[in-house]
Amino acid sequence: MTYMSPLKIAASRIINKRLEFRMNVAHGLASRSCTDNVFVKLLSESGVPGYGECVPRIYVTGETMESAATALRSLLSALSGVE
């Protein structure tokens, strides 16, 4: 068995980004011509990057871009220095 040393988060960045669709997308809950996504980029102390994304939808999850970013900041704060 190979032992992997724990990764410590050295830096993080939260990015809110609106992405335009090529066409309108409609379903029973909404009709959209774009999507607002929240991306997170992490960097470990050893330089290993990590990426994540969420797509908050008030009508699906009850989340907004702001509430998702706030939750991410809280989570990242709790994880700082954790191995």
PDB file of N, CA and C in Angstrom:
ATOM      1  N   MET A   1       0.846  -1.176   0.000  1.00  0.00           N
ATOM      2  CA  MET A   1       0.000   0.000   0.000  1.00  0.00           C
ATOM      3  C   MET A   1       0.893   1.242   0.000  1.00  0.00           C
ATOM      4  N   THR A   2       0.544   2.185  -0.843  1.00  0.00           N
ATOM      5  CA  THR A   2       1.299   3.429  -0.932  1.00  0.00           C
ATOM      6  C   THR A   2       0.683   4.467  -0.016  1.00  0.00           C
ATOM      7  N   TYR A   3       1.523   5.135   0.773  1.00  0.00           N
ATOM      8  CA  TYR A   3       1.053   6.186   1.663  1.00  0.00           C
ATOM      9  C   TYR A   3       1.093   7.504   0.916  1.00  0.00           C
ATOM     10  N   MET A   4      -0.017   8.222   0.934  1.00  0.00           N
ATOM     11  CA  MET A   4      -0.069   9.550   0.342  1.00  0.00           C
ATOM     12  C   MET A   4      -0.120  10.573   1.461  1.00  0.00           C
ATOM     13  N   SER A   5       0.758  11.536   1.410  1.00  0.00           N
ATOM     14  CA  SER A   5       0.739  12.566   2.448  1.00  0.00           C
ATOM     15  C   SER A   5      -0.511  13.417   2.284  1.00  0.00           C
ATOM     16  N   PRO A   6      -1.055  13.917   3.392  1.00  0.00           N
ATOM     17  CA  PRO A   6      -2.255  14.747   3.324  1.00  0.00           C
ATOM     18  C   PRO A   6      -1.981  16.060   2.602  1.00  0.00           C
ATOM     19  N   LEU A   7      -2.994  16.571   1.956  1.00  0.00           N
ATOM     20  CA  LEU A   7      -2.881  17.849   1.267  1.00  0.00           C
ATOM     21  C   LEU A   7      -3.426  18.954   2.156  1.00  0.00           C
ATOM     22  N   LYS A   8      -2.701  20.026   2.236  1.00  0.00           N
ATOM     23  CA  LYS A   8      -3.177  21.215   2.941  1.00  0.00           C
ATOM     24  C   LYS A   8      -3.511  22.278   1.907  1.00  0.00           C
ATOM     25  N   ILE A   9      -4.645  22.935   2.101  1.00  0.00           N
ATOM     26  CA  ILE A   9      -5.045  24.004   1.190  1.00  0.00           C
ATOM     27  C   ILE A   9      -4.212  25.243   1.493  1.00  0.00           C
ATOM     28  N   ALA A  10      -3.497  25.704   0.464  1.00  0.00           N
ATOM     29  CA  ALA A  10      -2.664  26.894   0.624  1.00  0.00           C
ATOM     30  C   ALA A  10      -3.366  28.144   0.106  1.00  0.00           C
ATOM     31  N   ALA A  11      -4.225  27.963  -0.889  1.00  0.00           N
ATOM     32  CA  ALA A  11      -4.924  29.111  -1.484  1.00  0.00           C
ATOM     33  C   ALA A  11      -6.238  28.632  -2.082  1.00  0.00           C
ATOM     34  N   SER A  12      -7.185  29.544  -2.148  1.00  0.00           N
ATOM     35  CA  SER A  12      -8.469  29.232  -2.766  1.00  0.00           C
ATOM     36  C   SER A  12      -9.009  30.475  -3.450  1.00  0.00           C
ATOM     37  N   ARG A  13      -9.837  30.229  -4.448  1.00  0.00           N
ATOM     38  CA  ARG A  13     -10.459  31.338  -5.165  1.00  0.00           C
ATOM     39  C   ARG A  13     -11.867  30.916  -5.568  1.00  0.00           C
ATOM     40  N   ILE A  14     -12.835  31.766  -5.292  1.00  0.00           N
ATOM     41  CA  ILE A  14     -14.226  31.536  -5.680  1.00  0.00           C
ATOM     42  C   ILE A  14     -14.544  32.488  -6.829  1.00  0.00           C
ATOM     43  N   ILE A  15     -15.094  31.923  -7.901  1.00  0.00           N
ATOM     44  CA  ILE A  15     -15.373  32.711  -9.095  1.00  0.00           C
ATOM     45  C   ILE A  15     -16.840  32.537  -9.475  1.00  0.00           C
ATOM     46  N   ASN A  16     -17.578  33.635  -9.551  1.00  0.00           N
ATOM     47  CA  ASN A  16     -18.962  33.614 -10.053  1.00  0.00           C
ATOM     48  C   ASN A  16     -18.908  33.929 -11.537  1.00  0.00           C
ATOM     49  N   LYS A  17     -19.554  33.088 -12.342  1.00  0.00           N
ATOM     50  CA  LYS A  17     -19.466  33.269 -13.788  1.00  0.00           C
ATOM     51  C   LYS A  17     -20.808  32.995 -14.453  1.00  0.00           C
ATOM     52  N   ARG A  18     -21.242  33.912 -15.291  1.00  0.00           N
ATOM     53  CA  ARG A  18     -22.451  33.713 -16.104  1.00  0.00           C
ATOM     54  C   ARG A  18     -22.007  33.143 -17.456  1.00  0.00           C
ATOM     55  N   LEU A  19     -22.637  32.041 -17.842  1.00  0.00           N
ATOM     56  CA  LEU A  19     -22.356  31.400 -19.126  1.00  0.00           C
ATOM     57  C   LEU A  19     -23.614  31.461 -19.990  1.00  0.00           C
ATOM     58  N   GLU A  20     -23.467  32.009 -21.181  1.00  0.00           N
ATOM     59  CA  GLU A  20     -24.594  32.136 -22.106  1.00  0.00           C
ATOM     60  C   GLU A  20     -24.795  30.817 -22.851  1.00  0.00           C
ATOM     61  N   PHE A  21     -26.054  30.425 -23.043  1.00  0.00           N
ATOM     62  CA  PHE A  21     -26.387  29.245 -23.836  1.00  0.00           C
ATOM     63  C   PHE A  21     -26.451  29.629 -25.308  1.00  0.00           C
ATOM     64  N   ARG A  22     -26.266  28.673 -26.179  1.00  0.00           N
ATOM     65  CA  ARG A  22     -26.430  28.911 -27.614  1.00  0.00           C
ATOM     66  C   ARG A  22     -27.901  29.019 -27.987  1.00  0.00           C
ATOM     67  N   MET A  23     -28.750  28.402 -27.169  1.00  0.00           N
ATOM     68  CA  MET A  23     -30.191  28.455 -27.402  1.00  0.00           C
ATOM     69  C   MET A  23     -30.901  28.491 -26.059  1.00  0.00           C
ATOM     70  N   ASN A  24     -32.128  28.880 -26.051  1.00  0.00           N
ATOM     71  CA  ASN A  24     -32.927  28.903 -24.836  1.00  0.00           C
ATOM     72  C   ASN A  24     -33.241  27.468 -24.408  1.00  0.00           C
ATOM     73  N   VAL A  25     -33.157  27.202 -23.098  1.00  0.00           N
ATOM     74  CA  VAL A  25     -33.465  25.886 -22.548  1.00  0.00           C
ATOM     75  C   VAL A  25     -34.667  26.045 -21.625  1.00  0.00           C
ATOM     76  N   ALA A  26     -35.703  25.262 -21.866  1.00  0.00           N
ATOM     77  CA  ALA A  26     -36.919  25.376 -21.070  1.00  0.00           C
ATOM     78  C   ALA A  26     -37.309  24.012 -20.516  1.00  0.00           C
ATOM     79  N   HIS A  27     -37.863  24.040 -19.315  1.00  0.00           N
ATOM     80  CA  HIS A  27     -38.440  22.837 -18.707  1.00  0.00           C
ATOM     81  C   HIS A  27     -39.576  23.291 -17.797  1.00  0.00           C
ATOM     82  N   GLY A  28     -40.136  22.377 -17.030  1.00  0.00           N
ATOM     83  CA  GLY A  28     -41.311  22.686 -16.229  1.00  0.00           C
ATOM     84  C   GLY A  28     -41.115  23.765 -15.177  1.00  0.00           C
ATOM     85  N   LEU A  29     -39.872  23.974 -14.727  1.00  0.00           N
ATOM     86  CA  LEU A  29     -39.629  24.938 -13.652  1.00  0.00           C
ATOM     87  C   LEU A  29     -39.122  26.294 -14.125  1.00  0.00           C
ATOM     88  N   ALA A  30     -38.514  26.318 -15.308  1.00  0.00           N
ATOM     89  CA  ALA A  30     -37.925  27.587 -15.757  1.00  0.00           C
ATOM     90  C   ALA A  30     -37.587  27.531 -17.233  1.00  0.00           C
ATOM     91  N   SER A  31     -37.284  28.705 -17.765  1.00  0.00           N
ATOM     92  CA  SER A  31     -36.765  28.856 -19.113  1.00  0.00           C
ATOM     93  C   SER A  31     -35.521  29.728 -18.992  1.00  0.00           C
ATOM     94  N   ARG A  32     -34.407  29.283 -19.575  1.00  0.00           N
ATOM     95  CA  ARG A  32     -33.145  29.991 -19.370  1.00  0.00           C
ATOM     96  C   ARG A  32     -32.388  30.185 -20.675  1.00  0.00           C
ATOM     97  N   SER A  33     -31.695  31.307 -20.779  1.00  0.00           N
ATOM     98  CA  SER A  33     -30.805  31.558 -21.907  1.00  0.00           C
ATOM     99  C   SER A  33     -29.355  31.638 -21.433  1.00  0.00           C
ATOM    100  N   CYS A  34     -29.159  31.480 -20.110  1.00  0.00           N
ATOM    101  CA  CYS A  34     -27.817  31.502 -19.534  1.00  0.00           C
ATOM    102  C   CYS A  34     -27.846  30.748 -18.204  1.00  0.00           C
ATOM    103  N   THR A  35     -26.676  30.518 -17.673  1.00  0.00           N
ATOM    104  CA  THR A  35     -26.561  29.877 -16.371  1.00  0.00           C
ATOM    105  C   THR A  35     -25.545  30.633 -15.535  1.00  0.00           C
ATOM    106  N   ASP A  36     -25.812  30.755 -14.264  1.00  0.00           N
ATOM    107  CA  ASP A  36     -24.880  31.386 -13.325  1.00  0.00           C
ATOM    108  C   ASP A  36     -24.251  30.281 -12.493  1.00  0.00           C
ATOM    109  N   ASN A  37     -22.938  30.127 -12.622  1.00  0.00           N
ATOM    110  CA  ASN A  37     -22.212  29.064 -11.945  1.00  0.00           C
ATOM    111  C   ASN A  37     -21.240  29.642 -10.927  1.00  0.00           C
ATOM    112  N   VAL A  38     -20.933  28.848  -9.917  1.00  0.00           N
ATOM    113  CA  VAL A  38     -19.915  29.198  -8.926  1.00  0.00           C
ATOM    114  C   VAL A  38     -18.797  28.175  -9.058  1.00  0.00           C
ATOM    115  N   PHE A  39     -17.599  28.654  -9.336  1.00  0.00           N
ATOM    116  CA  PHE A  39     -16.433  27.800  -9.462  1.00  0.00           C
ATOM    117  C   PHE A  39     -15.524  28.034  -8.261  1.00  0.00           C
ATOM    118  N   VAL A  40     -14.800  26.998  -7.865  1.00  0.00           N
ATOM    119  CA  VAL A  40     -13.804  27.158  -6.807  1.00  0.00           C
ATOM    120  C   VAL A  40     -12.508  26.515  -7.286  1.00  0.00           C
ATOM    121  N   LYS A  41     -11.422  27.208  -7.066  1.00  0.00           N
ATOM    122  CA  LYS A  41     -10.096  26.685  -7.390  1.00  0.00           C
ATOM    123  C   LYS A  41      -9.309  26.621  -6.098  1.00  0.00           C
ATOM    124  N   LEU A  42      -8.753  25.452  -5.809  1.00  0.00           N
ATOM    125  CA  LEU A  42      -7.925  25.252  -4.630  1.00  0.00           C
ATOM    126  C   LEU A  42      -6.500  24.980  -5.073  1.00  0.00           C
ATOM    127  N   LEU A  43      -5.563  25.336  -4.244  1.00  0.00           N
ATOM    128  CA  LEU A  43      -4.161  25.034  -4.499  1.00  0.00           C
ATOM    129  C   LEU A  43      -3.572  24.488  -3.210  1.00  0.00           C
ATOM    130  N   SER A  44      -2.970  23.311  -3.297  1.00  0.00           N
ATOM    131  CA  SER A  44      -2.364  22.711  -2.108  1.00  0.00           C
ATOM    132  C   SER A  44      -1.002  23.346  -1.858  1.00  0.00           C
ATOM    133  N   GLU A  45      -0.471  23.114  -0.652  1.00  0.00           N
ATOM    134  CA  GLU A  45       0.857  23.632  -0.319  1.00  0.00           C
ATOM    135  C   GLU A  45       1.925  23.078  -1.250  1.00  0.00           C
ATOM    136  N   SER A  46       1.689  21.884  -1.789  1.00  0.00           N
ATOM    137  CA  SER A  46       2.667  21.278  -2.693  1.00  0.00           C
ATOM    138  C   SER A  46       2.425  21.672  -4.153  1.00  0.00           C
ATOM    139  N   GLY A  47       1.455  22.561  -4.405  1.00  0.00           N
ATOM    140  CA  GLY A  47       1.213  23.062  -5.748  1.00  0.00           C
ATOM    141  C   GLY A  47       0.196  22.281  -6.561  1.00  0.00           C
ATOM    142  N   VAL A  48      -0.487  21.322  -5.949  1.00  0.00           N
ATOM    143  CA  VAL A  48      -1.491  20.536  -6.664  1.00  0.00           C
ATOM    144  C   VAL A  48      -2.798  21.336  -6.713  1.00  0.00           C
ATOM    145  N   PRO A  49      -3.327  21.604  -7.930  1.00  0.00           N
ATOM    146  CA  PRO A  49      -4.585  22.349  -8.032  1.00  0.00           C
ATOM    147  C   PRO A  49      -5.791  21.417  -7.949  1.00  0.00           C
ATOM    148  N   GLY A  50      -6.908  21.977  -7.551  1.00  0.00           N
ATOM    149  CA  GLY A  50      -8.173  21.265  -7.546  1.00  0.00           C
ATOM    150  C   GLY A  50      -9.268  22.232  -7.946  1.00  0.00           C
ATOM    151  N   TYR A  51     -10.278  21.724  -8.630  1.00  0.00           N
ATOM    152  CA  TYR A  51     -11.341  22.572  -9.142  1.00  0.00           C
ATOM    153  C   TYR A  51     -12.702  21.986  -8.791  1.00  0.00           C
ATOM    154  N   GLY A  52     -13.682  22.841  -8.598  1.00  0.00           N
ATOM    155  CA  GLY A  52     -15.043  22.403  -8.346  1.00  0.00           C
ATOM    156  C   GLY A  52     -16.018  23.412  -8.913  1.00  0.00           C
ATOM    157  N   GLU A  53     -17.263  22.996  -9.026  1.00  0.00           N
ATOM    158  CA  GLU A  53     -18.284  23.864  -9.605  1.00  0.00           C
ATOM    159  C   GLU A  53     -19.635  23.516  -9.003  1.00  0.00           C
ATOM    160  N   CYS A  54     -20.455  24.520  -8.809  1.00  0.00           N
ATOM    161  CA  CYS A  54     -21.843  24.280  -8.437  1.00  0.00           C
ATOM    162  C   CYS A  54     -22.718  25.229  -9.237  1.00  0.00           C
ATOM    163  N   VAL A  55     -23.964  24.832  -9.407  1.00  0.00           N
ATOM    164  CA  VAL A  55     -24.917  25.607 -10.182  1.00  0.00           C
ATOM    165  C   VAL A  55     -26.135  25.841  -9.292  1.00  0.00           C
ATOM    166  N   PRO A  56     -26.087  26.892  -8.463  1.00  0.00           N
ATOM    167  CA  PRO A  56     -27.204  27.148  -7.556  1.00  0.00           C
ATOM    168  C   PRO A  56     -28.463  27.557  -8.313  1.00  0.00           C
ATOM    169  N   ARG A  57     -29.561  26.942  -7.933  1.00  0.00           N
ATOM    170  CA  ARG A  57     -30.856  27.265  -8.532  1.00  0.00           C
ATOM    171  C   ARG A  57     -31.852  27.457  -7.404  1.00  0.00           C
ATOM    172  N   ILE A  58     -32.350  28.662  -7.257  1.00  0.00           N
ATOM    173  CA  ILE A  58     -33.298  28.970  -6.186  1.00  0.00           C
ATOM    174  C   ILE A  58     -34.530  28.065  -6.275  1.00  0.00           C
ATOM    175  N   TYR A  59     -34.967  27.736  -7.484  1.00  0.00           N
ATOM    176  CA  TYR A  59     -36.168  26.922  -7.662  1.00  0.00           C
ATOM    177  C   TYR A  59     -35.895  25.418  -7.538  1.00  0.00           C
ATOM    178  N   VAL A  60     -34.626  25.012  -7.448  1.00  0.00           N
ATOM    179  CA  VAL A  60     -34.291  23.590  -7.286  1.00  0.00           C
ATOM    180  C   VAL A  60     -33.764  23.320  -5.879  1.00  0.00           C
ATOM    181  N   THR A  61     -32.720  24.045  -5.492  1.00  0.00           N
ATOM    182  CA  THR A  61     -32.052  23.790  -4.208  1.00  0.00           C
ATOM    183  C   THR A  61     -32.308  24.860  -3.162  1.00  0.00           C
ATOM    184  N   GLY A  62     -32.908  25.981  -3.584  1.00  0.00           N
ATOM    185  CA  GLY A  62     -33.129  27.083  -2.659  1.00  0.00           C
ATOM    186  C   GLY A  62     -31.898  27.969  -2.506  1.00  0.00           C
ATOM    187  N   GLU A  63     -30.850  27.695  -3.297  1.00  0.00           N
ATOM    188  CA  GLU A  63     -29.612  28.465  -3.195  1.00  0.00           C
ATOM    189  C   GLU A  63     -29.556  29.563  -4.251  1.00  0.00           C
ATOM    190  N   THR A  64     -28.822  30.624  -3.904  1.00  0.00           N
ATOM    191  CA  THR A  64     -28.507  31.688  -4.844  1.00  0.00           C
ATOM    192  C   THR A  64     -27.000  31.702  -5.042  1.00  0.00           C
ATOM    193  N   MET A  65     -26.536  32.489  -5.989  1.00  0.00           N
ATOM    194  CA  MET A  65     -25.083  32.630  -6.185  1.00  0.00           C
ATOM    195  C   MET A  65     -24.440  33.109  -4.884  1.00  0.00           C
ATOM    196  N   GLU A  66     -25.078  34.062  -4.224  1.00  0.00           N
ATOM    197  CA  GLU A  66     -24.518  34.632  -3.003  1.00  0.00           C
ATOM    198  C   GLU A  66     -24.498  33.603  -1.863  1.00  0.00           C
ATOM    199  N   SER A  67     -25.582  32.854  -1.705  1.00  0.00           N
ATOM    200  CA  SER A  67     -25.617  31.881  -0.605  1.00  0.00           C
ATOM    201  C   SER A  67     -24.630  30.744  -0.852  1.00  0.00           C
ATOM    202  N   ALA A  68     -24.458  30.344  -2.113  1.00  0.00           N
ATOM    203  CA  ALA A  68     -23.485  29.290  -2.427  1.00  0.00           C
ATOM    204  C   ALA A  68     -22.064  29.772  -2.151  1.00  0.00           C
ATOM    205  N   ALA A  69     -21.752  31.006  -2.549  1.00  0.00           N
ATOM    206  CA  ALA A  69     -20.419  31.558  -2.305  1.00  0.00           C
ATOM    207  C   ALA A  69     -20.163  31.719  -0.806  1.00  0.00           C
ATOM    208  N   THR A  70     -21.175  32.132  -0.056  1.00  0.00           N
ATOM    209  CA  THR A  70     -21.042  32.266   1.399  1.00  0.00           C
ATOM    210  C   THR A  70     -20.775  30.911   2.035  1.00  0.00           C
ATOM    211  N   ALA A  71     -21.502  29.878   1.605  1.00  0.00           N
ATOM    212  CA  ALA A  71     -21.287  28.529   2.138  1.00  0.00           C
ATOM    213  C   ALA A  71     -19.888  28.029   1.797  1.00  0.00           C
ATOM    214  N   LEU A  72     -19.429  28.305   0.580  1.00  0.00           N
ATOM    215  CA  LEU A  72     -18.073  27.899   0.193  1.00  0.00           C
ATOM    216  C   LEU A  72     -17.019  28.597   1.044  1.00  0.00           C
ATOM    217  N   ARG A  73     -17.186  29.905   1.258  1.00  0.00           N
ATOM    218  CA  ARG A  73     -16.220  30.638   2.089  1.00  0.00           C
ATOM    219  C   ARG A  73     -16.177  30.066   3.497  1.00  0.00           C
ATOM    220  N   SER A  74     -17.328  29.722   4.045  1.00  0.00           N
ATOM    221  CA  SER A  74     -17.400  29.140   5.383  1.00  0.00           C
ATOM    222  C   SER A  74     -16.703  27.779   5.420  1.00  0.00           C
ATOM    223  N   LEU A  75     -16.962  26.959   4.408  1.00  0.00           N
ATOM    224  CA  LEU A  75     -16.326  25.642   4.332  1.00  0.00           C
ATOM    225  C   LEU A  75     -14.818  25.768   4.181  1.00  0.00           C
ATOM    226  N   LEU A  76     -14.381  26.655   3.304  1.00  0.00           N
ATOM    227  CA  LEU A  76     -12.940  26.842   3.098  1.00  0.00           C
ATOM    228  C   LEU A  76     -12.271  27.363   4.353  1.00  0.00           C
ATOM    229  N   SER A  77     -12.942  28.233   5.087  1.00  0.00           N
ATOM    230  CA  SER A  77     -12.393  28.742   6.350  1.00  0.00           C
ATOM    231  C   SER A  77     -12.225  27.598   7.348  1.00  0.00           C
ATOM    232  N   ALA A  78     -13.224  26.717   7.411  1.00  0.00           N
ATOM    233  CA  ALA A  78     -13.165  25.586   8.332  1.00  0.00           C
ATOM    234  C   ALA A  78     -12.068  24.595   7.931  1.00  0.00           C
ATOM    235  N   LEU A  79     -11.780  24.503   6.636  1.00  0.00           N
ATOM    236  CA  LEU A  79     -10.782  23.543   6.166  1.00  0.00           C
ATOM    237  C   LEU A  79      -9.353  24.089   6.161  1.00  0.00           C
ATOM    238  N   SER A  80      -9.190  25.384   6.340  1.00  0.00           N
ATOM    239  CA  SER A  80      -7.835  25.933   6.288  1.00  0.00           C
ATOM    240  C   SER A  80      -6.964  25.320   7.384  1.00  0.00           C
ATOM    241  N   GLY A  81      -5.848  24.797   6.947  1.00  0.00           N
ATOM    242  CA  GLY A  81      -4.919  24.163   7.875  1.00  0.00           C
ATOM    243  C   GLY A  81      -5.240  22.722   8.221  1.00  0.00           C
ATOM    244  N   VAL A  82      -6.374  22.215   7.719  1.00  0.00           N
ATOM    245  CA  VAL A  82      -6.757  20.825   7.995  1.00  0.00           C
ATOM    246  C   VAL A  82      -6.028  19.900   7.039  1.00  0.00           C
ATOM    247  N   GLU A  83      -5.509  18.801   7.547  1.00  0.00           N
ATOM    248  CA  GLU A  83      -4.831  17.811   6.691  1.00  0.00           C
ATOM    249  C   GLU A  83      -5.792  16.716   6.341  1.00  0.00           C
TER     250      GLU A  83
END
